[in-house]
């Protein structure tokens, strides 16, 4: 699932209401959830909550995020791939 923003409080957010509804349905049906977010999406907030980071299995990004993010993903049991 793509997203518009991620913040350390554990919110994964997006900005398109129609897409959020479809993505939420996909997440509900999934056994595991992978969120795809390039490095520009970290430490930002969009206006629609998509999913809690604690519900995500994998976070896939293009660059190693800050140590805070590495620690947060480890804390929540999210496998970080970069």
C-alpha atoms as a PDB file:
ATOM      1  CA  UNK A   1       0.000   0.000   0.000  1.00  0.00           C
ATOM      2  CA  UNK A   2       1.363   3.435  -0.858  1.00  0.00           C
ATOM      3  CA  UNK A   3       0.910   6.401   1.446  1.00  0.00           C
ATOM      4  CA  UNK A   4       1.441  10.142   1.501  1.00  0.00           C
ATOM      5  CA  UNK A   5       3.034  10.390   4.942  1.00  0.00           C
ATOM      6  CA  UNK A   6       4.323   8.597   8.056  1.00  0.00           C
ATOM      7  CA  UNK A   7       4.947  10.003  11.503  1.00  0.00           C
ATOM      8  CA  UNK A   8       6.698   8.600  14.549  1.00  0.00           C
ATOM      9  CA  UNK A   9       3.485   8.547  16.566  1.00  0.00           C
ATOM     10  CA  UNK A  10       2.582   5.553  14.390  1.00  0.00           C
ATOM     11  CA  UNK A  11       0.203   7.136  11.916  1.00  0.00           C
ATOM     12  CA  UNK A  12       0.280   6.202   8.254  1.00  0.00           C
ATOM     13  CA  UNK A  13      -1.713   8.831   6.378  1.00  0.00           C
ATOM     14  CA  UNK A  14      -2.852   9.639   2.860  1.00  0.00           C
ATOM     15  CA  UNK A  15      -4.571  12.450   1.027  1.00  0.00           C
ATOM     16  CA  UNK A  16      -7.087  10.880  -1.379  1.00  0.00           C
ATOM     17  CA  UNK A  17     -10.356   9.880   0.292  1.00  0.00           C
ATOM     18  CA  UNK A  18     -11.443   7.415  -2.410  1.00  0.00           C
ATOM     19  CA  UNK A  19      -8.064   5.676  -2.417  1.00  0.00           C
ATOM     20  CA  UNK A  20      -8.031   5.483   1.379  1.00  0.00           C
ATOM     21  CA  UNK A  21     -11.348   3.637   1.359  1.00  0.00           C
ATOM     22  CA  UNK A  22     -10.036   1.085  -1.151  1.00  0.00           C
ATOM     23  CA  UNK A  23      -6.724   0.696   0.696  1.00  0.00           C
ATOM     24  CA  UNK A  24      -8.524   0.149   4.011  1.00  0.00           C
ATOM     25  CA  UNK A  25     -10.583  -2.643   2.422  1.00  0.00           C
ATOM     26  CA  UNK A  26      -7.410  -4.254   1.096  1.00  0.00           C
ATOM     27  CA  UNK A  27      -5.755  -3.979   4.515  1.00  0.00           C
ATOM     28  CA  UNK A  28      -8.781  -5.584   6.219  1.00  0.00           C
ATOM     29  CA  UNK A  29      -8.604  -8.561   3.842  1.00  0.00           C
ATOM     30  CA  UNK A  30      -4.826  -8.995   4.054  1.00  0.00           C
ATOM     31  CA  UNK A  31      -2.852 -11.367   6.250  1.00  0.00           C
ATOM     32  CA  UNK A  32       0.158  -9.045   6.093  1.00  0.00           C
ATOM     33  CA  UNK A  33       0.456  -5.401   5.100  1.00  0.00           C
ATOM     34  CA  UNK A  34       3.379  -3.774   3.316  1.00  0.00           C
ATOM     35  CA  UNK A  35       3.569   0.009   3.219  1.00  0.00           C
ATOM     36  CA  UNK A  36       5.675   1.565   0.479  1.00  0.00           C
ATOM     37  CA  UNK A  37       7.040   5.024   1.246  1.00  0.00           C
ATOM     38  CA  UNK A  38      10.028   6.812  -0.224  1.00  0.00           C
ATOM     39  CA  UNK A  39      12.265   8.818   2.108  1.00  0.00           C
ATOM     40  CA  UNK A  40      10.308  12.039   1.534  1.00  0.00           C
ATOM     41  CA  UNK A  41       7.212  10.586   3.252  1.00  0.00           C
ATOM     42  CA  UNK A  42       8.821  10.194   6.694  1.00  0.00           C
ATOM     43  CA  UNK A  43       8.039  12.657   9.487  1.00  0.00           C
ATOM     44  CA  UNK A  44       5.055  14.108   7.658  1.00  0.00           C
ATOM     45  CA  UNK A  45       1.282  13.984   8.115  1.00  0.00           C
ATOM     46  CA  UNK A  46      -1.462  13.938   5.498  1.00  0.00           C
ATOM     47  CA  UNK A  47      -5.062  14.626   6.404  1.00  0.00           C
ATOM     48  CA  UNK A  48      -6.566  11.093   6.258  1.00  0.00           C
ATOM     49  CA  UNK A  49      -5.586   8.260   8.580  1.00  0.00           C
ATOM     50  CA  UNK A  50      -4.910   5.112   6.581  1.00  0.00           C
ATOM     51  CA  UNK A  51      -3.547   2.541   9.026  1.00  0.00           C
ATOM     52  CA  UNK A  52      -1.652   2.405  12.269  1.00  0.00           C
ATOM     53  CA  UNK A  53       1.990   1.496  11.889  1.00  0.00           C
ATOM     54  CA  UNK A  54       1.421  -1.198  14.522  1.00  0.00           C
ATOM     55  CA  UNK A  55      -0.794  -3.012  11.975  1.00  0.00           C
ATOM     56  CA  UNK A  56       1.918  -2.996   9.290  1.00  0.00           C
ATOM     57  CA  UNK A  57       4.105  -6.044   8.638  1.00  0.00           C
ATOM     58  CA  UNK A  58       6.652  -4.411   6.321  1.00  0.00           C
ATOM     59  CA  UNK A  59       7.772  -0.856   5.673  1.00  0.00           C
ATOM     60  CA  UNK A  60       9.598  -0.586   2.349  1.00  0.00           C
ATOM     61  CA  UNK A  61      11.553   2.551   1.488  1.00  0.00           C
ATOM     62  CA  UNK A  62      14.333   3.745  -0.789  1.00  0.00           C
ATOM     63  CA  UNK A  63      16.834   4.940   1.849  1.00  0.00           C
ATOM     64  CA  UNK A  64      17.728   3.978   5.388  1.00  0.00           C
ATOM     65  CA  UNK A  65      15.578   6.137   7.651  1.00  0.00           C
ATOM     66  CA  UNK A  66      16.830   7.834  10.807  1.00  0.00           C
ATOM     67  CA  UNK A  67      17.754   5.735  13.833  1.00  0.00           C
ATOM     68  CA  UNK A  68      14.525   6.906  15.480  1.00  0.00           C
ATOM     69  CA  UNK A  69      12.579   5.217  12.694  1.00  0.00           C
ATOM     70  CA  UNK A  70      14.688   2.067  12.851  1.00  0.00           C
ATOM     71  CA  UNK A  71      14.037   1.864  16.605  1.00  0.00           C
ATOM     72  CA  UNK A  72      10.313   2.616  16.220  1.00  0.00           C
ATOM     73  CA  UNK A  73       9.845  -0.097  13.602  1.00  0.00           C
ATOM     74  CA  UNK A  74      11.695  -2.581  15.782  1.00  0.00           C
ATOM     75  CA  UNK A  75       9.542  -1.587  18.758  1.00  0.00           C
ATOM     76  CA  UNK A  76       6.334  -2.151  16.770  1.00  0.00           C
ATOM     77  CA  UNK A  77       7.506  -5.371  15.107  1.00  0.00           C
ATOM     78  CA  UNK A  78       7.551  -3.826  11.629  1.00  0.00           C
ATOM     79  CA  UNK A  79      10.163  -5.269   9.276  1.00  0.00           C
ATOM     80  CA  UNK A  80      11.990  -2.342   7.695  1.00  0.00           C
ATOM     81  CA  UNK A  81      13.303  -2.902   4.160  1.00  0.00           C
ATOM     82  CA  UNK A  82      15.478  -0.368   2.338  1.00  0.00           C
END
